[in-house]
Amino acid sequence: MRPETPRGIRNFNPGNIRHAQGVRWQGMAAVQTDSAFVQFNGPRWGIRAIARVLITYQDKRRAADGSRIDSVREIIERWAPASENDTKAYTQQVARAMGLDLDFEGVDVYQYDTMRGLVLAIIRHENGPGPLPGGLWYGEPVIVDGLALAGIERGVQHGAGAPA
């Protein structure tokens, strides 16, 4: 890849997921040359990781007010903390891309279209516009594969807490 390609794309980690002590991701590259961000074997594995993090937020983490993480604002405040990001701008961009109010508390990451929208908006915000139509970085087959690896498939109904 060209050196001007964003780091997240070069690392096949389009969500720019940081290393965490003791965490070994499925599809993680055996050799990690980036000390800050995880490197994956291909983009579908990085997409899977984004989706798995979002599922974990909804199932196991709590928003700042102690409620379930189920709004764009709560998801992005957790994903991109204000200590490192312009969380307000990030939240607004993701909500706009999804056509949702920032505080709509019905975001269900088990719904295919919702997860797809979140993942695409996060990838766009983390890496800027890509070279494909609509500013995408990846074609639909890669997105579908990555979400399927995370247990999110079109037409398959899951509920909160369902195995993924």
N, C-alpha and C. Protein backbone atom coordinates (compact mmCIF):
# COMPACT_ATOMS: atom_id res chain seq x y z
N MET A 1 0.84 -1.19 0.00
CA MET A 1 0.00 0.00 0.00
C MET A 1 0.87 1.24 0.00
N ARG A 2 0.31 2.29 -0.56
CA ARG A 2 1.04 3.55 -0.60
C ARG A 2 1.20 4.13 0.81
N PRO A 3 2.33 4.81 1.09
CA PRO A 3 2.56 5.34 2.44
C PRO A 3 1.51 6.36 2.88
N GLU A 4 0.86 7.05 1.94
CA GLU A 4 -0.16 8.03 2.32
C GLU A 4 -1.50 7.37 2.67
N THR A 5 -1.58 6.07 2.49
CA THR A 5 -2.77 5.33 2.91
C THR A 5 -2.87 5.44 4.43
N PRO A 6 -4.06 5.75 4.97
CA PRO A 6 -4.18 5.89 6.42
C PRO A 6 -3.70 4.65 7.19
N ARG A 7 -3.18 4.90 8.34
CA ARG A 7 -2.61 3.86 9.19
C ARG A 7 -3.62 2.73 9.44
N GLY A 8 -4.86 3.08 9.72
CA GLY A 8 -5.88 2.06 9.98
C GLY A 8 -6.10 1.14 8.79
N ILE A 9 -6.00 1.68 7.59
CA ILE A 9 -6.16 0.88 6.38
C ILE A 9 -4.91 0.02 6.16
N ARG A 10 -3.74 0.62 6.34
CA ARG A 10 -2.49 -0.14 6.20
C ARG A 10 -2.42 -1.31 7.18
N ASN A 11 -2.94 -1.12 8.39
CA ASN A 11 -2.91 -2.15 9.42
C ASN A 11 -4.07 -3.14 9.30
N PHE A 12 -4.94 -2.94 8.30
CA PHE A 12 -6.18 -3.73 8.20
C PHE A 12 -6.98 -3.61 9.49
N ASN A 13 -6.87 -2.47 10.13
CA ASN A 13 -7.54 -2.15 11.39
C ASN A 13 -8.26 -0.81 11.20
N PRO A 14 -9.34 -0.81 10.40
CA PRO A 14 -9.97 0.46 10.04
C PRO A 14 -10.69 1.17 11.18
N GLY A 15 -10.79 0.52 12.34
CA GLY A 15 -11.34 1.18 13.52
C GLY A 15 -10.27 1.71 14.45
N ASN A 16 -9.01 1.52 14.06
CA ASN A 16 -7.87 1.94 14.88
C ASN A 16 -7.98 1.45 16.32
N ILE A 17 -8.17 0.17 16.46
CA ILE A 17 -8.27 -0.46 17.76
C ILE A 17 -6.86 -0.59 18.34
N ARG A 18 -6.71 -0.11 19.56
CA ARG A 18 -5.40 -0.11 20.21
C ARG A 18 -5.09 -1.48 20.82
N HIS A 19 -3.81 -1.73 20.96
CA HIS A 19 -3.38 -2.92 21.69
C HIS A 19 -3.85 -2.81 23.13
N ALA A 20 -4.23 -3.94 23.70
CA ALA A 20 -4.57 -4.02 25.12
C ALA A 20 -3.84 -5.23 25.67
N GLN A 21 -3.26 -5.08 26.84
CA GLN A 21 -2.46 -6.14 27.44
C GLN A 21 -3.27 -7.42 27.56
N GLY A 22 -2.71 -8.50 27.04
CA GLY A 22 -3.31 -9.81 27.15
C GLY A 22 -4.41 -10.10 26.14
N VAL A 23 -4.71 -9.16 25.26
CA VAL A 23 -5.78 -9.37 24.28
C VAL A 23 -5.18 -9.86 22.97
N ARG A 24 -5.68 -10.99 22.52
CA ARG A 24 -5.28 -11.57 21.24
C ARG A 24 -6.55 -11.70 20.41
N TRP A 25 -6.62 -10.97 19.31
CA TRP A 25 -7.79 -10.95 18.44
C TRP A 25 -7.76 -12.07 17.42
N GLN A 26 -8.93 -12.59 17.05
CA GLN A 26 -9.00 -13.48 15.90
C GLN A 26 -8.54 -12.69 14.68
N GLY A 27 -7.74 -13.31 13.84
CA GLY A 27 -7.27 -12.65 12.63
C GLY A 27 -6.15 -11.64 12.85
N MET A 28 -5.61 -11.60 14.06
CA MET A 28 -4.51 -10.68 14.37
C MET A 28 -3.24 -11.20 13.70
N ALA A 29 -2.51 -10.30 13.07
CA ALA A 29 -1.27 -10.68 12.41
C ALA A 29 -0.28 -11.21 13.45
N ALA A 30 0.47 -12.24 13.06
CA ALA A 30 1.44 -12.85 13.98
C ALA A 30 2.53 -11.86 14.37
N VAL A 31 2.94 -11.03 13.42
CA VAL A 31 3.97 -10.03 13.68
C VAL A 31 3.28 -8.67 13.81
N GLN A 32 3.52 -8.00 14.93
CA GLN A 32 2.93 -6.69 15.20
C GLN A 32 4.03 -5.64 15.19
N THR A 33 4.10 -4.85 14.11
CA THR A 33 5.13 -3.83 14.00
C THR A 33 4.66 -2.45 14.43
N ASP A 34 3.37 -2.29 14.69
CA ASP A 34 2.81 -1.02 15.16
C ASP A 34 2.62 -1.16 16.67
N SER A 35 3.33 -0.38 17.45
CA SER A 35 3.28 -0.54 18.90
C SER A 35 1.97 -0.02 19.51
N ALA A 36 1.24 0.82 18.80
CA ALA A 36 0.02 1.40 19.36
C ALA A 36 -1.24 0.67 18.92
N PHE A 37 -1.32 0.31 17.63
CA PHE A 37 -2.55 -0.22 17.07
C PHE A 37 -2.38 -1.66 16.58
N VAL A 38 -3.42 -2.45 16.80
CA VAL A 38 -3.43 -3.85 16.37
C VAL A 38 -3.33 -3.92 14.85
N GLN A 39 -2.60 -4.90 14.36
CA GLN A 39 -2.53 -5.18 12.93
C GLN A 39 -3.21 -6.53 12.68
N PHE A 40 -4.08 -6.55 11.65
CA PHE A 40 -4.82 -7.76 11.32
C PHE A 40 -4.31 -8.34 10.01
N ASN A 41 -4.70 -9.59 9.73
CA ASN A 41 -4.29 -10.29 8.51
C ASN A 41 -5.03 -9.81 7.27
N GLY A 42 -6.12 -9.12 7.43
CA GLY A 42 -6.89 -8.61 6.30
C GLY A 42 -8.00 -7.72 6.82
N PRO A 43 -8.61 -6.93 5.96
CA PRO A 43 -9.62 -5.96 6.41
C PRO A 43 -10.84 -6.61 7.04
N ARG A 44 -11.23 -7.80 6.58
CA ARG A 44 -12.43 -8.44 7.17
C ARG A 44 -12.22 -8.69 8.66
N TRP A 45 -10.97 -8.97 9.08
CA TRP A 45 -10.69 -9.20 10.49
C TRP A 45 -10.75 -7.91 11.30
N GLY A 46 -10.32 -6.81 10.71
CA GLY A 46 -10.45 -5.51 11.38
C GLY A 46 -11.90 -5.09 11.51
N ILE A 47 -12.70 -5.38 10.48
CA ILE A 47 -14.13 -5.08 10.53
C ILE A 47 -14.80 -5.95 11.60
N ARG A 48 -14.42 -7.22 11.65
CA ARG A 48 -14.94 -8.10 12.69
C ARG A 48 -14.64 -7.53 14.07
N ALA A 49 -13.42 -7.05 14.26
CA ALA A 49 -13.02 -6.52 15.57
C ALA A 49 -13.87 -5.30 15.95
N ILE A 50 -14.13 -4.41 15.01
CA ILE A 50 -15.00 -3.26 15.30
C ILE A 50 -16.35 -3.77 15.80
N ALA A 51 -16.93 -4.69 15.06
CA ALA A 51 -18.26 -5.20 15.41
C ALA A 51 -18.24 -5.89 16.78
N ARG A 52 -17.21 -6.66 17.06
CA ARG A 52 -17.15 -7.35 18.36
C ARG A 52 -17.03 -6.36 19.51
N VAL A 53 -16.26 -5.29 19.31
CA VAL A 53 -16.16 -4.26 20.35
C VAL A 53 -17.53 -3.62 20.58
N LEU A 54 -18.24 -3.30 19.50
CA LEU A 54 -19.56 -2.68 19.64
C LEU A 54 -20.55 -3.62 20.33
N ILE A 55 -20.47 -4.91 20.03
CA ILE A 55 -21.33 -5.89 20.71
C ILE A 55 -20.99 -5.93 22.20
N THR A 56 -19.71 -5.93 22.53
CA THR A 56 -19.29 -5.93 23.93
C THR A 56 -19.80 -4.69 24.65
N TYR A 57 -19.71 -3.54 24.00
CA TYR A 57 -20.24 -2.31 24.62
C TYR A 57 -21.70 -2.50 24.98
N GLN A 58 -22.49 -2.99 24.04
CA GLN A 58 -23.92 -3.08 24.28
C GLN A 58 -24.27 -4.15 25.32
N ASP A 59 -23.54 -5.26 25.30
CA ASP A 59 -23.87 -6.37 26.20
C ASP A 59 -23.24 -6.27 27.59
N LYS A 60 -22.05 -5.68 27.70
CA LYS A 60 -21.29 -5.81 28.95
C LYS A 60 -20.82 -4.51 29.56
N ARG A 61 -20.92 -3.41 28.88
CA ARG A 61 -20.42 -2.14 29.40
C ARG A 61 -21.59 -1.21 29.70
N ARG A 62 -21.31 -0.15 30.40
CA ARG A 62 -22.33 0.83 30.75
C ARG A 62 -21.88 2.21 30.31
N ALA A 63 -22.88 3.04 29.98
CA ALA A 63 -22.63 4.43 29.61
C ALA A 63 -22.22 5.20 30.87
N ALA A 64 -21.77 6.43 30.70
CA ALA A 64 -21.32 7.26 31.82
C ALA A 64 -22.40 7.40 32.90
N ASP A 65 -23.67 7.41 32.49
CA ASP A 65 -24.76 7.56 33.46
C ASP A 65 -25.23 6.22 34.04
N GLY A 66 -24.54 5.13 33.70
CA GLY A 66 -24.88 3.83 34.23
C GLY A 66 -25.89 3.05 33.41
N SER A 67 -26.42 3.67 32.37
CA SER A 67 -27.42 3.00 31.53
C SER A 67 -26.74 2.11 30.48
N ARG A 68 -27.56 1.35 29.80
CA ARG A 68 -27.07 0.49 28.71
C ARG A 68 -26.55 1.38 27.58
N ILE A 69 -25.50 0.95 26.91
CA ILE A 69 -24.96 1.69 25.77
C ILE A 69 -25.81 1.36 24.55
N ASP A 70 -26.70 2.29 24.20
CA ASP A 70 -27.62 2.03 23.10
C ASP A 70 -28.00 3.28 22.31
N SER A 71 -27.13 4.29 22.35
CA SER A 71 -27.31 5.47 21.50
C SER A 71 -25.98 5.76 20.81
N VAL A 72 -26.05 6.49 19.71
CA VAL A 72 -24.82 6.85 19.00
C VAL A 72 -23.89 7.61 19.94
N ARG A 73 -24.43 8.55 20.71
CA ARG A 73 -23.59 9.33 21.63
C ARG A 73 -22.86 8.40 22.61
N GLU A 74 -23.58 7.46 23.23
CA GLU A 74 -22.96 6.56 24.21
C GLU A 74 -21.92 5.65 23.57
N ILE A 75 -22.22 5.16 22.37
CA ILE A 75 -21.27 4.29 21.67
C ILE A 75 -19.98 5.04 21.36
N ILE A 76 -20.10 6.22 20.78
CA ILE A 76 -18.90 6.96 20.36
C ILE A 76 -18.16 7.54 21.56
N GLU A 77 -18.86 7.92 22.62
CA GLU A 77 -18.15 8.38 23.82
C GLU A 77 -17.27 7.27 24.38
N ARG A 78 -17.70 6.04 24.24
CA ARG A 78 -16.91 4.90 24.71
C ARG A 78 -15.80 4.58 23.70
N TRP A 79 -16.15 4.61 22.40
CA TRP A 79 -15.20 4.26 21.33
C TRP A 79 -14.06 5.27 21.23
N ALA A 80 -14.41 6.54 21.30
CA ALA A 80 -13.45 7.62 21.04
C ALA A 80 -13.49 8.63 22.18
N PRO A 81 -12.87 8.32 23.32
CA PRO A 81 -12.96 9.21 24.48
C PRO A 81 -12.42 10.61 24.20
N ALA A 82 -13.03 11.58 24.87
CA ALA A 82 -12.69 12.99 24.66
C ALA A 82 -11.23 13.28 24.99
N SER A 83 -10.59 12.43 25.78
CA SER A 83 -9.17 12.64 26.11
C SER A 83 -8.28 12.47 24.88
N GLU A 84 -8.80 11.79 23.83
CA GLU A 84 -8.01 11.54 22.63
C GLU A 84 -8.66 12.07 21.35
N ASN A 85 -9.93 12.43 21.42
CA ASN A 85 -10.70 12.74 20.20
C ASN A 85 -11.63 13.93 20.39
N ASP A 86 -12.07 14.48 19.27
CA ASP A 86 -13.17 15.45 19.28
C ASP A 86 -14.44 14.60 19.23
N THR A 87 -14.82 14.11 20.39
CA THR A 87 -15.92 13.15 20.50
C THR A 87 -17.23 13.75 20.00
N LYS A 88 -17.44 15.03 20.24
CA LYS A 88 -18.67 15.68 19.79
C LYS A 88 -18.78 15.64 18.27
N ALA A 89 -17.71 16.01 17.58
CA ALA A 89 -17.71 15.99 16.11
C ALA A 89 -17.87 14.56 15.60
N TYR A 90 -17.19 13.62 16.24
CA TYR A 90 -17.25 12.21 15.85
C TYR A 90 -18.69 11.72 15.98
N THR A 91 -19.31 12.00 17.12
CA THR A 91 -20.69 11.58 17.37
C THR A 91 -21.63 12.17 16.33
N GLN A 92 -21.48 13.44 16.05
CA GLN A 92 -22.35 14.10 15.07
C GLN A 92 -22.18 13.48 13.69
N GLN A 93 -20.96 13.19 13.29
CA GLN A 93 -20.72 12.60 11.98
C GLN A 93 -21.34 11.21 11.87
N VAL A 94 -21.20 10.39 12.90
CA VAL A 94 -21.75 9.04 12.88
C VAL A 94 -23.28 9.09 12.88
N ALA A 95 -23.86 9.93 13.73
CA ALA A 95 -25.32 10.05 13.79
C ALA A 95 -25.88 10.52 12.45
N ARG A 96 -25.21 11.50 11.85
CA ARG A 96 -25.65 12.01 10.54
C ARG A 96 -25.58 10.92 9.48
N ALA A 97 -24.49 10.17 9.47
CA ALA A 97 -24.32 9.09 8.48
C ALA A 97 -25.40 8.02 8.64
N MET A 98 -25.84 7.81 9.87
CA MET A 98 -26.84 6.78 10.13
C MET A 98 -28.27 7.31 10.06
N GLY A 99 -28.42 8.63 9.98
CA GLY A 99 -29.75 9.23 9.95
C GLY A 99 -30.47 9.10 11.29
N LEU A 100 -29.70 9.16 12.37
CA LEU A 100 -30.27 9.02 13.71
C LEU A 100 -30.00 10.25 14.56
N ASP A 101 -30.86 10.49 15.53
CA ASP A 101 -30.61 11.49 16.56
C ASP A 101 -29.48 10.96 17.44
N LEU A 102 -28.61 11.86 17.90
CA LEU A 102 -27.47 11.47 18.74
C LEU A 102 -27.88 10.66 19.96
N ASP A 103 -29.04 10.98 20.52
CA ASP A 103 -29.46 10.39 21.79
C ASP A 103 -30.59 9.38 21.67
N PHE A 104 -30.91 8.95 20.44
CA PHE A 104 -31.92 7.92 20.27
C PHE A 104 -31.44 6.65 20.96
N GLU A 105 -32.18 6.20 21.97
CA GLU A 105 -31.75 5.05 22.77
C GLU A 105 -32.42 3.77 22.30
N GLY A 106 -32.19 3.44 21.05
CA GLY A 106 -32.73 2.21 20.50
C GLY A 106 -31.78 1.61 19.48
N VAL A 107 -30.51 2.02 19.54
CA VAL A 107 -29.52 1.50 18.62
C VAL A 107 -29.21 0.05 19.03
N ASP A 108 -29.52 -0.89 18.15
CA ASP A 108 -29.34 -2.32 18.43
C ASP A 108 -28.27 -2.86 17.49
N VAL A 109 -27.09 -3.10 18.03
CA VAL A 109 -25.97 -3.53 17.19
C VAL A 109 -26.14 -4.94 16.65
N TYR A 110 -27.14 -5.66 17.12
CA TYR A 110 -27.41 -6.99 16.56
C TYR A 110 -28.21 -6.91 15.26
N GLN A 111 -28.75 -5.75 14.96
CA GLN A 111 -29.47 -5.56 13.70
C GLN A 111 -28.43 -5.30 12.61
N TYR A 112 -28.46 -6.08 11.56
CA TYR A 112 -27.45 -6.01 10.51
C TYR A 112 -27.28 -4.59 9.97
N ASP A 113 -28.36 -3.96 9.56
CA ASP A 113 -28.24 -2.62 8.95
C ASP A 113 -27.69 -1.59 9.93
N THR A 114 -28.04 -1.73 11.20
CA THR A 114 -27.52 -0.81 12.22
C THR A 114 -26.02 -1.02 12.39
N MET A 115 -25.60 -2.27 12.55
CA MET A 115 -24.18 -2.55 12.72
C MET A 115 -23.40 -2.13 11.48
N ARG A 116 -23.91 -2.43 10.31
CA ARG A 116 -23.24 -2.04 9.07
C ARG A 116 -23.06 -0.52 9.03
N GLY A 117 -24.12 0.22 9.36
CA GLY A 117 -24.05 1.68 9.35
C GLY A 117 -23.03 2.21 10.34
N LEU A 118 -23.01 1.66 11.54
CA LEU A 118 -22.03 2.08 12.54
C LEU A 118 -20.61 1.79 12.08
N VAL A 119 -20.38 0.59 11.60
CA VAL A 119 -19.03 0.20 11.16
C VAL A 119 -18.55 1.10 10.02
N LEU A 120 -19.40 1.32 9.03
CA LEU A 120 -18.99 2.17 7.90
C LEU A 120 -18.71 3.60 8.35
N ALA A 121 -19.54 4.13 9.27
CA ALA A 121 -19.33 5.50 9.76
C ALA A 121 -18.05 5.61 10.58
N ILE A 122 -17.76 4.60 11.39
CA ILE A 122 -16.52 4.60 12.17
C ILE A 122 -15.32 4.53 11.23
N ILE A 123 -15.38 3.65 10.25
CA ILE A 123 -14.27 3.53 9.29
C ILE A 123 -14.04 4.86 8.58
N ARG A 124 -15.11 5.50 8.16
CA ARG A 124 -14.99 6.79 7.45
C ARG A 124 -14.38 7.85 8.36
N HIS A 125 -14.84 7.90 9.61
CA HIS A 125 -14.31 8.92 10.52
C HIS A 125 -12.85 8.65 10.87
N GLU A 126 -12.51 7.41 11.10
CA GLU A 126 -11.15 7.06 11.50
C GLU A 126 -10.13 7.24 10.37
N ASN A 127 -10.56 7.08 9.12
CA ASN A 127 -9.62 7.03 7.99
C ASN A 127 -9.84 8.08 6.92
N GLY A 128 -10.93 8.85 7.02
CA GLY A 128 -11.26 9.80 5.96
C GLY A 128 -11.94 9.06 4.82
N PRO A 129 -12.27 9.79 3.77
CA PRO A 129 -12.94 9.15 2.63
C PRO A 129 -12.01 8.20 1.88
N GLY A 130 -12.56 7.08 1.47
CA GLY A 130 -11.81 6.10 0.71
C GLY A 130 -11.96 6.30 -0.78
N PRO A 131 -11.27 5.49 -1.58
CA PRO A 131 -11.24 5.66 -3.03
C PRO A 131 -12.45 5.07 -3.77
N LEU A 132 -13.28 4.29 -3.08
CA LEU A 132 -14.42 3.65 -3.75
C LEU A 132 -15.62 4.60 -3.79
N PRO A 133 -16.60 4.31 -4.63
CA PRO A 133 -17.80 5.16 -4.70
C PRO A 133 -18.41 5.36 -3.31
N GLY A 134 -18.85 6.59 -3.05
CA GLY A 134 -19.42 6.93 -1.75
C GLY A 134 -18.36 7.15 -0.68
N GLY A 135 -17.09 7.18 -1.08
CA GLY A 135 -16.01 7.38 -0.11
C GLY A 135 -15.68 6.15 0.72
N LEU A 136 -16.10 4.99 0.26
CA LEU A 136 -15.84 3.75 1.00
C LEU A 136 -14.40 3.28 0.80
N TRP A 137 -13.92 2.53 1.77
CA TRP A 137 -12.60 1.91 1.67
C TRP A 137 -12.69 0.47 1.18
N TYR A 138 -13.82 -0.18 1.46
CA TYR A 138 -13.97 -1.60 1.14
C TYR A 138 -15.26 -1.84 0.39
N GLY A 139 -15.23 -2.84 -0.49
CA GLY A 139 -16.43 -3.25 -1.20
C GLY A 139 -17.36 -4.02 -0.28
N GLU A 140 -18.59 -4.16 -0.72
CA GLU A 140 -19.62 -4.82 0.08
C GLU A 140 -19.24 -6.25 0.50
N PRO A 141 -18.61 -7.07 -0.37
CA PRO A 141 -18.27 -8.43 0.08
C PRO A 141 -17.36 -8.45 1.32
N VAL A 142 -16.43 -7.51 1.42
CA VAL A 142 -15.52 -7.46 2.57
C VAL A 142 -16.29 -7.07 3.83
N ILE A 143 -17.20 -6.10 3.70
CA ILE A 143 -18.02 -5.68 4.84
C ILE A 143 -18.89 -6.85 5.31
N VAL A 144 -19.57 -7.49 4.38
CA VAL A 144 -20.45 -8.63 4.70
C VAL A 144 -19.64 -9.73 5.39
N ASP A 145 -18.46 -10.05 4.86
CA ASP A 145 -17.62 -11.09 5.46
C ASP A 145 -17.20 -10.71 6.88
N GLY A 146 -16.75 -9.48 7.06
CA GLY A 146 -16.31 -9.04 8.38
C GLY A 146 -17.43 -9.09 9.41
N LEU A 147 -18.61 -8.65 9.02
CA LEU A 147 -19.75 -8.69 9.94
C LEU A 147 -20.15 -10.13 10.24
N ALA A 148 -20.11 -11.00 9.22
CA ALA A 148 -20.44 -12.41 9.43
C ALA A 148 -19.45 -13.06 10.39
N LEU A 149 -18.18 -12.72 10.28
CA LEU A 149 -17.18 -13.25 11.21
C LEU A 149 -17.49 -12.83 12.65
N ALA A 150 -18.16 -11.70 12.80
CA ALA A 150 -18.55 -11.21 14.14
C ALA A 150 -19.90 -11.78 14.59
N GLY A 151 -20.54 -12.54 13.70
CA GLY A 151 -21.84 -13.12 14.04
C GLY A 151 -23.03 -12.28 13.65
N ILE A 152 -22.80 -11.25 12.84
CA ILE A 152 -23.88 -10.37 12.40
C ILE A 152 -24.11 -10.62 10.92
N GLU A 153 -25.26 -11.22 10.61
CA GLU A 153 -25.58 -11.55 9.24
C GLU A 153 -26.95 -11.01 8.87
N ARG A 154 -27.07 -10.56 7.64
CA ARG A 154 -28.35 -10.04 7.14
C ARG A 154 -29.40 -11.14 7.24
N GLY A 155 -30.56 -10.78 7.77
CA GLY A 155 -31.67 -11.72 7.83
C GLY A 155 -31.64 -12.67 9.01
N VAL A 156 -30.59 -12.62 9.83
CA VAL A 156 -30.51 -13.48 11.01
C VAL A 156 -30.86 -12.61 12.21
N GLN A 157 -31.89 -12.99 12.95
CA GLN A 157 -32.31 -12.21 14.11
C GLN A 157 -31.52 -12.61 15.34
N HIS A 158 -30.99 -11.61 16.00
CA HIS A 158 -30.30 -11.80 17.28
C HIS A 158 -31.00 -10.91 18.28
N GLY A 159 -30.85 -11.23 19.51
CA GLY A 159 -31.31 -10.34 20.57
C GLY A 159 -30.13 -9.96 21.42
N ALA A 160 -30.31 -8.92 22.22
CA ALA A 160 -29.23 -8.53 23.11
C ALA A 160 -28.86 -9.72 23.98
N GLY A 161 -27.59 -9.99 24.03
CA GLY A 161 -27.11 -11.11 24.82
C GLY A 161 -27.11 -12.43 24.07
N ALA A 162 -27.62 -12.44 22.84
CA ALA A 162 -27.63 -13.68 22.06
C ALA A 162 -26.21 -14.03 21.67
N PRO A 163 -25.92 -15.30 21.54
CA PRO A 163 -24.56 -15.67 21.12
C PRO A 163 -24.26 -15.13 19.73
N ALA A 164 -23.07 -14.61 19.56
CA ALA A 164 -22.72 -14.05 18.25
C ALA A 164 -21.46 -14.68 17.73
